[in-house]
Amino acid sequence: MVFNTGAALLDAIVLAVVSKEKDGTYGYKITQDVRQAIEISESTLYPVLRRLQKDSCLEVYDMECDGRNRRYYRITDRGKAQLHFYFEEWQSYCNKINNLFTGVKY
């Protein structure tokens, strides 16, 4: 993608991905799901997850999987409210950009 992805957009994308799983999801799967929209490395994703956890948008719990602990992330009520805010802002942003492109000759 040729457009930069800022911190707010990364937060919004991660919250959207995590919100799809009622019981939460784990880091590797989050990375794979986010990569469907943008290219991201795990070294970029984990600071986003920590920031969202610190901001009380995500809660974390560990669960054993194949003899190893796996860390899961679940969206909180605060995270849902933040995701709703991001969605509203994204809709407004898209509409403004689409209006600029309307009628442009290529």
C-alpha atoms as a PDB file:
ATOM      1  CA  MET A   1       0.000   0.000   0.000  1.00  0.00           C
ATOM      2  CA  VAL A   2       1.370   3.395  -0.903  1.00  0.00           C
ATOM      3  CA  PHE A   3      -0.402   5.254   1.908  1.00  0.00           C
ATOM      4  CA  ASN A   4       1.109   5.586   5.377  1.00  0.00           C
ATOM      5  CA  THR A   5      -0.661   3.877   8.233  1.00  0.00           C
ATOM      6  CA  GLY A   6      -0.693   6.038  11.351  1.00  0.00           C
ATOM      7  CA  ALA A   7      -1.061   4.892  14.941  1.00  0.00           C
ATOM      8  CA  ALA A   8      -4.787   5.679  15.130  1.00  0.00           C
ATOM      9  CA  LEU A   9      -5.522   3.634  12.017  1.00  0.00           C
ATOM     10  CA  LEU A  10      -3.453   0.723  13.347  1.00  0.00           C
ATOM     11  CA  ASP A  11      -5.357   0.900  16.634  1.00  0.00           C
ATOM     12  CA  ALA A  12      -8.672   0.918  14.764  1.00  0.00           C
ATOM     13  CA  ILE A  13      -7.721  -2.050  12.589  1.00  0.00           C
ATOM     14  CA  VAL A  14      -6.506  -4.102  15.550  1.00  0.00           C
ATOM     15  CA  LEU A  15      -9.628  -3.303  17.581  1.00  0.00           C
ATOM     16  CA  ALA A  16     -11.799  -4.291  14.617  1.00  0.00           C
ATOM     17  CA  VAL A  17      -9.973  -7.619  14.241  1.00  0.00           C
ATOM     18  CA  VAL A  18     -10.081  -8.443  17.949  1.00  0.00           C
ATOM     19  CA  SER A  19     -13.753  -7.436  18.244  1.00  0.00           C
ATOM     20  CA  LYS A  20     -14.771 -10.153  15.774  1.00  0.00           C
ATOM     21  CA  GLU A  21     -13.883 -12.865  18.295  1.00  0.00           C
ATOM     22  CA  LYS A  22     -16.177 -12.913  21.353  1.00  0.00           C
ATOM     23  CA  ASP A  23     -13.653 -14.763  23.516  1.00  0.00           C
ATOM     24  CA  GLY A  24     -10.638 -12.933  22.133  1.00  0.00           C
ATOM     25  CA  THR A  25      -7.842 -13.978  19.849  1.00  0.00           C
ATOM     26  CA  TYR A  26      -4.081 -14.357  20.011  1.00  0.00           C
ATOM     27  CA  GLY A  27      -1.235 -12.313  18.571  1.00  0.00           C
ATOM     28  CA  TYR A  28      -0.237 -14.467  15.596  1.00  0.00           C
ATOM     29  CA  LYS A  29      -3.836 -14.711  14.374  1.00  0.00           C
ATOM     30  CA  ILE A  30      -4.286 -10.970  14.834  1.00  0.00           C
ATOM     31  CA  THR A  31      -1.191 -10.411  12.684  1.00  0.00           C
ATOM     32  CA  GLN A  32      -2.548 -12.698   9.956  1.00  0.00           C
ATOM     33  CA  ASP A  33      -5.968 -11.020   9.989  1.00  0.00           C
ATOM     34  CA  VAL A  34      -4.495  -7.503   9.923  1.00  0.00           C
ATOM     35  CA  ARG A  35      -2.298  -8.518   6.976  1.00  0.00           C
ATOM     36  CA  GLN A  36      -5.468  -9.009   4.931  1.00  0.00           C
ATOM     37  CA  ALA A  37      -5.764  -5.209   4.924  1.00  0.00           C
ATOM     38  CA  ILE A  38      -2.226  -3.881   5.395  1.00  0.00           C
ATOM     39  CA  GLU A  39       1.295  -5.259   5.606  1.00  0.00           C
ATOM     40  CA  ILE A  40       2.417  -5.374   9.217  1.00  0.00           C
ATOM     41  CA  SER A  41       5.156  -7.172  11.105  1.00  0.00           C
ATOM     42  CA  GLU A  42       4.784  -8.756  14.511  1.00  0.00           C
ATOM     43  CA  SER A  43       7.343  -6.261  15.823  1.00  0.00           C
ATOM     44  CA  THR A  44       4.931  -3.480  14.836  1.00  0.00           C
ATOM     45  CA  LEU A  45       1.814  -5.228  16.105  1.00  0.00           C
ATOM     46  CA  TYR A  46       2.860  -6.045  19.666  1.00  0.00           C
ATOM     47  CA  PRO A  47       3.492  -2.419  20.706  1.00  0.00           C
ATOM     48  CA  VAL A  48      -0.013  -1.627  19.368  1.00  0.00           C
ATOM     49  CA  LEU A  49      -1.472  -4.434  21.474  1.00  0.00           C
ATOM     50  CA  ARG A  50       0.403  -3.211  24.567  1.00  0.00           C
ATOM     51  CA  ARG A  51      -0.772   0.377  23.994  1.00  0.00           C
ATOM     52  CA  LEU A  52      -4.394  -0.743  23.601  1.00  0.00           C
ATOM     53  CA  GLN A  53      -4.072  -2.830  26.754  1.00  0.00           C
ATOM     54  CA  LYS A  54      -2.560   0.116  28.655  1.00  0.00           C
ATOM     55  CA  ASP A  55      -5.453   2.320  27.450  1.00  0.00           C
ATOM     56  CA  SER A  56      -7.942  -0.295  28.773  1.00  0.00           C
ATOM     57  CA  CYS A  57      -9.232  -1.041  25.271  1.00  0.00           C
ATOM     58  CA  LEU A  58      -8.044  -4.647  25.435  1.00  0.00           C
ATOM     59  CA  GLU A  59      -7.825  -7.142  28.249  1.00  0.00           C
ATOM     60  CA  VAL A  60      -5.312  -9.956  28.224  1.00  0.00           C
ATOM     61  CA  TYR A  61      -5.449 -13.504  29.481  1.00  0.00           C
ATOM     62  CA  ASP A  62      -3.310 -16.600  28.988  1.00  0.00           C
ATOM     63  CA  MET A  63      -4.540 -20.024  27.975  1.00  0.00           C
ATOM     64  CA  GLU A  64      -2.639 -23.260  27.476  1.00  0.00           C
ATOM     65  CA  CYS A  65      -2.440 -24.507  23.902  1.00  0.00           C
ATOM     66  CA  ASP A  66      -0.436 -27.643  23.010  1.00  0.00           C
ATOM     67  CA  GLY A  67       1.509 -27.471  26.261  1.00  0.00           C
ATOM     68  CA  ARG A  68       2.414 -23.786  25.866  1.00  0.00           C
ATOM     69  CA  ASN A  69       0.860 -20.611  27.151  1.00  0.00           C
ATOM     70  CA  ARG A  70      -0.816 -18.487  24.504  1.00  0.00           C
ATOM     71  CA  ARG A  71      -1.710 -14.876  25.233  1.00  0.00           C
ATOM     72  CA  TYR A  72      -5.200 -13.842  24.184  1.00  0.00           C
ATOM     73  CA  TYR A  73      -6.562 -10.345  23.669  1.00  0.00           C
ATOM     74  CA  ARG A  74     -10.232  -9.452  24.146  1.00  0.00           C
ATOM     75  CA  ILE A  75     -11.882  -6.096  23.481  1.00  0.00           C
ATOM     76  CA  THR A  76     -13.312  -4.257  26.498  1.00  0.00           C
ATOM     77  CA  ASP A  77     -16.338  -1.962  26.671  1.00  0.00           C
ATOM     78  CA  ARG A  78     -13.947   0.979  26.464  1.00  0.00           C
ATOM     79  CA  GLY A  79     -12.365  -0.633  23.396  1.00  0.00           C
ATOM     80  CA  LYS A  80     -15.779  -1.051  21.778  1.00  0.00           C
ATOM     81  CA  ALA A  81     -16.518   2.631  22.378  1.00  0.00           C
ATOM     82  CA  GLN A  82     -13.141   3.589  20.894  1.00  0.00           C
ATOM     83  CA  LEU A  83     -13.752   1.327  17.890  1.00  0.00           C
ATOM     84  CA  HIS A  84     -17.137   2.986  17.349  1.00  0.00           C
ATOM     85  CA  PHE A  85     -15.444   6.406  17.455  1.00  0.00           C
ATOM     86  CA  TYR A  86     -12.808   5.259  14.942  1.00  0.00           C
ATOM     87  CA  PHE A  87     -15.510   3.845  12.671  1.00  0.00           C
ATOM     88  CA  GLU A  88     -17.414   7.152  12.672  1.00  0.00           C
ATOM     89  CA  GLU A  89     -14.219   9.098  11.945  1.00  0.00           C
ATOM     90  CA  TRP A  90     -13.249   6.646   9.196  1.00  0.00           C
ATOM     91  CA  GLN A  91     -16.645   7.015   7.501  1.00  0.00           C
ATOM     92  CA  SER A  92     -16.324  10.796   7.527  1.00  0.00           C
ATOM     93  CA  TYR A  93     -12.744  10.643   6.231  1.00  0.00           C
ATOM     94  CA  CYS A  94     -13.654   8.229   3.412  1.00  0.00           C
ATOM     95  CA  ASN A  95     -16.592  10.368   2.338  1.00  0.00           C
ATOM     96  CA  LYS A  96     -14.406  13.475   2.133  1.00  0.00           C
ATOM     97  CA  ILE A  97     -11.695  11.709   0.133  1.00  0.00           C
ATOM     98  CA  ASN A  98     -14.229  10.039  -2.174  1.00  0.00           C
ATOM     99  CA  ASN A  99     -15.835  13.437  -2.821  1.00  0.00           C
ATOM    100  CA  LEU A 100     -12.449  14.780  -3.894  1.00  0.00           C
ATOM    101  CA  PHE A 101     -11.978  11.914  -6.354  1.00  0.00           C
ATOM    102  CA  THR A 102     -15.484  12.196  -7.800  1.00  0.00           C
ATOM    103  CA  GLY A 103     -15.351  13.555 -11.326  1.00  0.00           C
ATOM    104  CA  VAL A 104     -11.541  13.353 -11.593  1.00  0.00           C
ATOM    105  CA  LYS A 105     -10.358  12.389 -15.097  1.00  0.00           C
ATOM    106  CA  TYR A 106      -7.503   9.864 -15.209  1.00  0.00           C
END
